[in-house]
Amino acid sequence: MEESPDLRLWFHQLNNQLGIILANAELLEAKATDDVTRARAAQVVASALDAMRTAQEIRRGVGSLVVPED
């Protein structure tokens, strides 16, 4: 099944937003001056990567849905 243009755009926007979160968390992690801050930034990095994987799984799942025709 073909994705709708709206759905394709939404996934693109979501991935862009998660990419920005990831990039900033990686920057914070690299520049952290103490272990607590570094650990918190690392958790955000891990969570952003997990969210990106989840979005990909949802997109694959949506793409496999069969919508009955009227």
C-alpha atoms as a PDB file:
ATOM      1  CA  MET A   1       0.000   0.000   0.000  1.00  0.00           C
ATOM      2  CA  GLU A   2       1.204   3.498  -0.839  1.00  0.00           C
ATOM      3  CA  GLU A   3       1.584   5.965   2.048  1.00  0.00           C
ATOM      4  CA  SER A   4      -0.519   9.096   1.850  1.00  0.00           C
ATOM      5  CA  PRO A   5       1.399  12.320   1.172  1.00  0.00           C
ATOM      6  CA  ASP A   6       0.273  13.654   4.575  1.00  0.00           C
ATOM      7  CA  LEU A   7       1.547  10.586   6.405  1.00  0.00           C
ATOM      8  CA  ARG A   8       4.849  10.735   4.538  1.00  0.00           C
ATOM      9  CA  LEU A   9       5.230  14.410   5.527  1.00  0.00           C
ATOM     10  CA  TRP A  10       4.418  13.690   9.177  1.00  0.00           C
ATOM     11  CA  PHE A  11       7.043  10.969   9.402  1.00  0.00           C
ATOM     12  CA  HIS A  12       9.565  13.254   7.712  1.00  0.00           C
ATOM     13  CA  GLN A  13       8.821  16.048  10.197  1.00  0.00           C
ATOM     14  CA  LEU A  14       9.005  13.653  13.143  1.00  0.00           C
ATOM     15  CA  ASN A  15      12.372  12.316  12.010  1.00  0.00           C
ATOM     16  CA  ASN A  16      13.678  15.862  11.536  1.00  0.00           C
ATOM     17  CA  GLN A  17      12.587  16.858  15.042  1.00  0.00           C
ATOM     18  CA  LEU A  18      14.080  13.710  16.582  1.00  0.00           C
ATOM     19  CA  GLY A  19      17.295  14.339  14.652  1.00  0.00           C
ATOM     20  CA  ILE A  20      17.557  17.818  16.151  1.00  0.00           C
ATOM     21  CA  ILE A  21      16.977  16.426  19.647  1.00  0.00           C
ATOM     22  CA  LEU A  22      19.607  13.758  19.025  1.00  0.00           C
ATOM     23  CA  ALA A  23      22.188  16.218  17.700  1.00  0.00           C
ATOM     24  CA  ASN A  24      21.745  18.577  20.633  1.00  0.00           C
ATOM     25  CA  ALA A  25      21.878  15.743  23.175  1.00  0.00           C
ATOM     26  CA  GLU A  26      25.098  14.451  21.592  1.00  0.00           C
ATOM     27  CA  LEU A  27      26.559  17.953  21.768  1.00  0.00           C
ATOM     28  CA  LEU A  28      25.581  18.291  25.428  1.00  0.00           C
ATOM     29  CA  GLU A  29      27.056  14.865  26.160  1.00  0.00           C
ATOM     30  CA  ALA A  30      30.342  15.778  24.461  1.00  0.00           C
ATOM     31  CA  LYS A  31      30.624  19.100  26.291  1.00  0.00           C
ATOM     32  CA  ALA A  32      29.487  17.872  29.707  1.00  0.00           C
ATOM     33  CA  THR A  33      31.931  18.708  32.452  1.00  0.00           C
ATOM     34  CA  ASP A  34      30.644  16.245  35.045  1.00  0.00           C
ATOM     35  CA  ASP A  35      29.447  12.659  35.121  1.00  0.00           C
ATOM     36  CA  VAL A  36      25.873  13.456  36.168  1.00  0.00           C
ATOM     37  CA  THR A  37      25.295  15.820  33.243  1.00  0.00           C
ATOM     38  CA  ARG A  38      27.009  13.416  30.850  1.00  0.00           C
ATOM     39  CA  ALA A  39      24.791  10.554  32.042  1.00  0.00           C
ATOM     40  CA  ARG A  40      21.637  12.632  31.625  1.00  0.00           C
ATOM     41  CA  ALA A  41      22.646  13.659  28.115  1.00  0.00           C
ATOM     42  CA  ALA A  42      23.484  10.036  27.284  1.00  0.00           C
ATOM     43  CA  GLN A  43      19.980   9.031  28.379  1.00  0.00           C
ATOM     44  CA  VAL A  44      18.466  11.630  26.050  1.00  0.00           C
ATOM     45  CA  VAL A  45      20.674  10.328  23.211  1.00  0.00           C
ATOM     46  CA  ALA A  46      19.536   6.759  23.863  1.00  0.00           C
ATOM     47  CA  SER A  47      15.887   7.800  24.083  1.00  0.00           C
ATOM     48  CA  ALA A  48      16.048   9.832  20.856  1.00  0.00           C
ATOM     49  CA  LEU A  49      17.570   6.858  19.028  1.00  0.00           C
ATOM     50  CA  ASP A  50      14.883   4.590  20.453  1.00  0.00           C
ATOM     51  CA  ALA A  51      12.169   7.032  19.367  1.00  0.00           C
ATOM     52  CA  MET A  52      13.620   7.109  15.844  1.00  0.00           C
ATOM     53  CA  ARG A  53      13.571   3.293  15.695  1.00  0.00           C
ATOM     54  CA  THR A  54       9.991   3.265  16.969  1.00  0.00           C
ATOM     55  CA  ALA A  55       8.931   5.782  14.301  1.00  0.00           C
ATOM     56  CA  GLN A  56      10.516   3.553  11.625  1.00  0.00           C
ATOM     57  CA  GLU A  57       8.679   0.510  12.979  1.00  0.00           C
ATOM     58  CA  ILE A  58       5.373   2.409  12.997  1.00  0.00           C
ATOM     59  CA  ARG A  59       5.979   3.573   9.426  1.00  0.00           C
ATOM     60  CA  ARG A  60       6.662   0.003   8.306  1.00  0.00           C
ATOM     61  CA  GLY A  61       3.537  -1.174  10.136  1.00  0.00           C
ATOM     62  CA  VAL A  62       1.367   1.532   8.617  1.00  0.00           C
ATOM     63  CA  GLY A  63       2.720   0.699   5.175  1.00  0.00           C
ATOM     64  CA  SER A  64       1.609  -2.907   5.550  1.00  0.00           C
ATOM     65  CA  LEU A  65      -1.975  -2.046   6.504  1.00  0.00           C
ATOM     66  CA  VAL A  66      -4.607  -2.997   4.003  1.00  0.00           C
ATOM     67  CA  VAL A  67      -7.504  -0.585   3.828  1.00  0.00           C
ATOM     68  CA  PRO A  68     -10.685  -2.088   2.362  1.00  0.00           C
ATOM     69  CA  GLU A  69     -12.034  -0.264  -0.651  1.00  0.00           C
ATOM     70  CA  ASP A  70     -15.564   1.153  -0.574  1.00  0.00           C
END
